[in-house]
Amino acid sequence: MVFVGFTLIGGFLAWLAPWVLIPHAAAALWGGRMAVSRARCPLSRLENWGRAGSGRPSLDPRGFIAHYFENRVYPARWARRVELIVGGLVLGSWLGLALR
């Protein structure tokens, strides 16, 4: 959850502490890659391994975001729109930082 939050607002945090931009760019690029390619995240595989070891059911086959956010924070049918909004927030935070 911290990684998702940092990916979402890290660019705005960089307005206060510019050194945050480098790790935020890495997080944003990773998140963007996962959204575009629909690849399975290695951390989701690791979580599924831990869940299996504790006897819990695995994550949604589509991954962490689908499991914890879709139909809890927003309807699943809005998934692509939410990804575009998040991408816009990230790019907007970078633009705001560049214009400061």
C-alpha atoms as a PDB file:
ATOM      1  CA  MET A   1       0.000   0.000   0.000  1.00  0.00           C
ATOM      2  CA  VAL A   2       2.877   2.367   0.745  1.00  0.00           C
ATOM      3  CA  PHE A   3       4.343   1.792  -2.720  1.00  0.00           C
ATOM      4  CA  VAL A   4       0.978   2.510  -4.362  1.00  0.00           C
ATOM      5  CA  GLY A   5       0.566   5.683  -2.295  1.00  0.00           C
ATOM      6  CA  PHE A   6       4.112   6.805  -3.046  1.00  0.00           C
ATOM      7  CA  THR A   7       3.572   6.171  -6.751  1.00  0.00           C
ATOM      8  CA  LEU A   8       0.447   8.309  -6.620  1.00  0.00           C
ATOM      9  CA  ILE A   9       1.686  11.304  -4.593  1.00  0.00           C
ATOM     10  CA  GLY A  10       5.492  11.065  -4.704  1.00  0.00           C
ATOM     11  CA  GLY A  11       5.726  13.760  -7.365  1.00  0.00           C
ATOM     12  CA  PHE A  12       3.925  16.175  -5.055  1.00  0.00           C
ATOM     13  CA  LEU A  13       6.250  15.202  -2.208  1.00  0.00           C
ATOM     14  CA  ALA A  14       9.131  16.144  -4.511  1.00  0.00           C
ATOM     15  CA  TRP A  15       7.820  19.717  -4.427  1.00  0.00           C
ATOM     16  CA  LEU A  16       8.866  19.763  -0.756  1.00  0.00           C
ATOM     17  CA  ALA A  17      11.933  17.524  -0.985  1.00  0.00           C
ATOM     18  CA  PRO A  18      13.357  17.434  -4.531  1.00  0.00           C
ATOM     19  CA  TRP A  19      15.509  14.337  -3.827  1.00  0.00           C
ATOM     20  CA  VAL A  20      12.235  12.319  -3.724  1.00  0.00           C
ATOM     21  CA  LEU A  21      11.883  12.745  -7.497  1.00  0.00           C
ATOM     22  CA  ILE A  22      14.425  10.010  -8.354  1.00  0.00           C
ATOM     23  CA  PRO A  23      12.785   7.201  -6.348  1.00  0.00           C
ATOM     24  CA  HIS A  24       9.360   8.476  -7.367  1.00  0.00           C
ATOM     25  CA  ALA A  25      10.296   8.366 -11.054  1.00  0.00           C
ATOM     26  CA  ALA A  26      11.407   4.748 -10.605  1.00  0.00           C
ATOM     27  CA  ALA A  27       8.132   3.878  -8.844  1.00  0.00           C
ATOM     28  CA  ALA A  28       6.051   5.683 -11.460  1.00  0.00           C
ATOM     29  CA  LEU A  29       7.870   3.994 -14.339  1.00  0.00           C
ATOM     30  CA  TRP A  30       7.389   0.601 -12.703  1.00  0.00           C
ATOM     31  CA  GLY A  31       3.693   1.273 -12.070  1.00  0.00           C
ATOM     32  CA  GLY A  32       3.193   2.582 -15.592  1.00  0.00           C
ATOM     33  CA  ARG A  33       4.922  -0.452 -17.061  1.00  0.00           C
ATOM     34  CA  MET A  34       2.697  -2.768 -15.049  1.00  0.00           C
ATOM     35  CA  ALA A  35      -0.447  -0.891 -16.101  1.00  0.00           C
ATOM     36  CA  VAL A  36       0.454  -0.855 -19.788  1.00  0.00           C
ATOM     37  CA  SER A  37       1.842  -4.375 -20.121  1.00  0.00           C
ATOM     38  CA  ARG A  38      -0.549  -6.062 -17.659  1.00  0.00           C
ATOM     39  CA  ALA A  39       2.446  -8.138 -16.551  1.00  0.00           C
ATOM     40  CA  ARG A  40       2.308 -10.055 -13.281  1.00  0.00           C
ATOM     41  CA  CYS A  41       4.124  -8.197 -10.537  1.00  0.00           C
ATOM     42  CA  PRO A  42       6.815 -10.188  -8.730  1.00  0.00           C
ATOM     43  CA  LEU A  43       5.559  -8.795  -5.431  1.00  0.00           C
ATOM     44  CA  SER A  44       2.104 -10.250  -6.118  1.00  0.00           C
ATOM     45  CA  ARG A  45       3.733 -13.628  -6.683  1.00  0.00           C
ATOM     46  CA  LEU A  46       5.586 -13.240  -3.393  1.00  0.00           C
ATOM     47  CA  GLU A  47       2.374 -12.296  -1.583  1.00  0.00           C
ATOM     48  CA  ASN A  48       0.589 -15.316  -3.078  1.00  0.00           C
ATOM     49  CA  TRP A  49       3.408 -17.539  -1.837  1.00  0.00           C
ATOM     50  CA  GLY A  50       2.996 -16.114   1.674  1.00  0.00           C
ATOM     51  CA  ARG A  51      -0.781 -16.441   1.505  1.00  0.00           C
ATOM     52  CA  ALA A  52      -0.493 -20.077   0.419  1.00  0.00           C
ATOM     53  CA  GLY A  53       1.879 -20.753   3.309  1.00  0.00           C
ATOM     54  CA  SER A  54      -0.610 -19.314   5.778  1.00  0.00           C
ATOM     55  CA  GLY A  55      -3.609 -21.074   4.249  1.00  0.00           C
ATOM     56  CA  ARG A  56      -5.189 -17.913   2.877  1.00  0.00           C
ATOM     57  CA  PRO A  57      -6.624 -17.641  -0.648  1.00  0.00           C
ATOM     58  CA  SER A  58      -4.433 -16.067  -3.302  1.00  0.00           C
ATOM     59  CA  LEU A  59      -4.867 -12.579  -4.695  1.00  0.00           C
ATOM     60  CA  ASP A  60      -7.173 -11.816  -7.593  1.00  0.00           C
ATOM     61  CA  PRO A  61      -5.519 -13.293 -10.717  1.00  0.00           C
ATOM     62  CA  ARG A  62      -5.171  -9.737 -12.087  1.00  0.00           C
ATOM     63  CA  GLY A  63      -2.960  -8.757  -9.148  1.00  0.00           C
ATOM     64  CA  PHE A  64      -2.639  -6.519  -6.112  1.00  0.00           C
ATOM     65  CA  ILE A  65      -4.512  -3.469  -7.407  1.00  0.00           C
ATOM     66  CA  ALA A  66      -7.467  -5.543  -8.577  1.00  0.00           C
ATOM     67  CA  HIS A  67      -7.546  -7.438  -5.273  1.00  0.00           C
ATOM     68  CA  TYR A  68      -7.308  -4.512  -2.862  1.00  0.00           C
ATOM     69  CA  PHE A  69      -8.743  -1.542  -4.774  1.00  0.00           C
ATOM     70  CA  GLU A  70     -11.218  -2.630  -7.456  1.00  0.00           C
ATOM     71  CA  ASN A  71     -14.773  -2.922  -6.119  1.00  0.00           C
ATOM     72  CA  ARG A  72     -13.536  -1.565  -2.775  1.00  0.00           C
ATOM     73  CA  VAL A  73     -12.307   1.928  -3.666  1.00  0.00           C
ATOM     74  CA  TYR A  74     -13.776   2.172  -7.174  1.00  0.00           C
ATOM     75  CA  PRO A  75     -15.869  -0.097  -9.434  1.00  0.00           C
ATOM     76  CA  ALA A  76     -13.834  -2.588 -11.462  1.00  0.00           C
ATOM     77  CA  ARG A  77     -15.291  -1.193 -14.687  1.00  0.00           C
ATOM     78  CA  TRP A  78     -13.502   2.096 -13.920  1.00  0.00           C
ATOM     79  CA  ALA A  79     -10.055   0.464 -13.761  1.00  0.00           C
ATOM     80  CA  ARG A  80      -8.681   1.925 -16.997  1.00  0.00           C
ATOM     81  CA  ARG A  81     -10.086   5.372 -16.202  1.00  0.00           C
ATOM     82  CA  VAL A  82      -8.504   5.310 -12.753  1.00  0.00           C
ATOM     83  CA  GLU A  83      -5.156   4.316 -14.308  1.00  0.00           C
ATOM     84  CA  LEU A  84      -5.397   7.294 -16.674  1.00  0.00           C
ATOM     85  CA  ILE A  85      -6.287   9.646 -13.810  1.00  0.00           C
ATOM     86  CA  VAL A  86      -3.347   8.366 -11.760  1.00  0.00           C
ATOM     87  CA  GLY A  87      -1.053   8.813 -14.771  1.00  0.00           C
ATOM     88  CA  GLY A  88      -2.372  12.355 -15.173  1.00  0.00           C
ATOM     89  CA  LEU A  89      -1.729  13.113 -11.493  1.00  0.00           C
ATOM     90  CA  VAL A  90       1.830  11.822 -11.752  1.00  0.00           C
ATOM     91  CA  LEU A  91       2.565  13.785 -14.916  1.00  0.00           C
ATOM     92  CA  GLY A  92       0.841  16.843 -13.460  1.00  0.00           C
ATOM     93  CA  SER A  93       2.970  16.660 -10.328  1.00  0.00           C
ATOM     94  CA  TRP A  94       6.103  16.481 -12.471  1.00  0.00           C
ATOM     95  CA  LEU A  95       4.943  19.432 -14.571  1.00  0.00           C
ATOM     96  CA  GLY A  96       4.210  21.414 -11.414  1.00  0.00           C
ATOM     97  CA  LEU A  97       7.688  20.611 -10.107  1.00  0.00           C
ATOM     98  CA  ALA A  98       9.290  21.677 -13.395  1.00  0.00           C
ATOM     99  CA  LEU A  99       7.388  24.991 -13.385  1.00  0.00           C
ATOM    100  CA  ARG A 100       8.339  25.864  -9.801  1.00  0.00           C
END
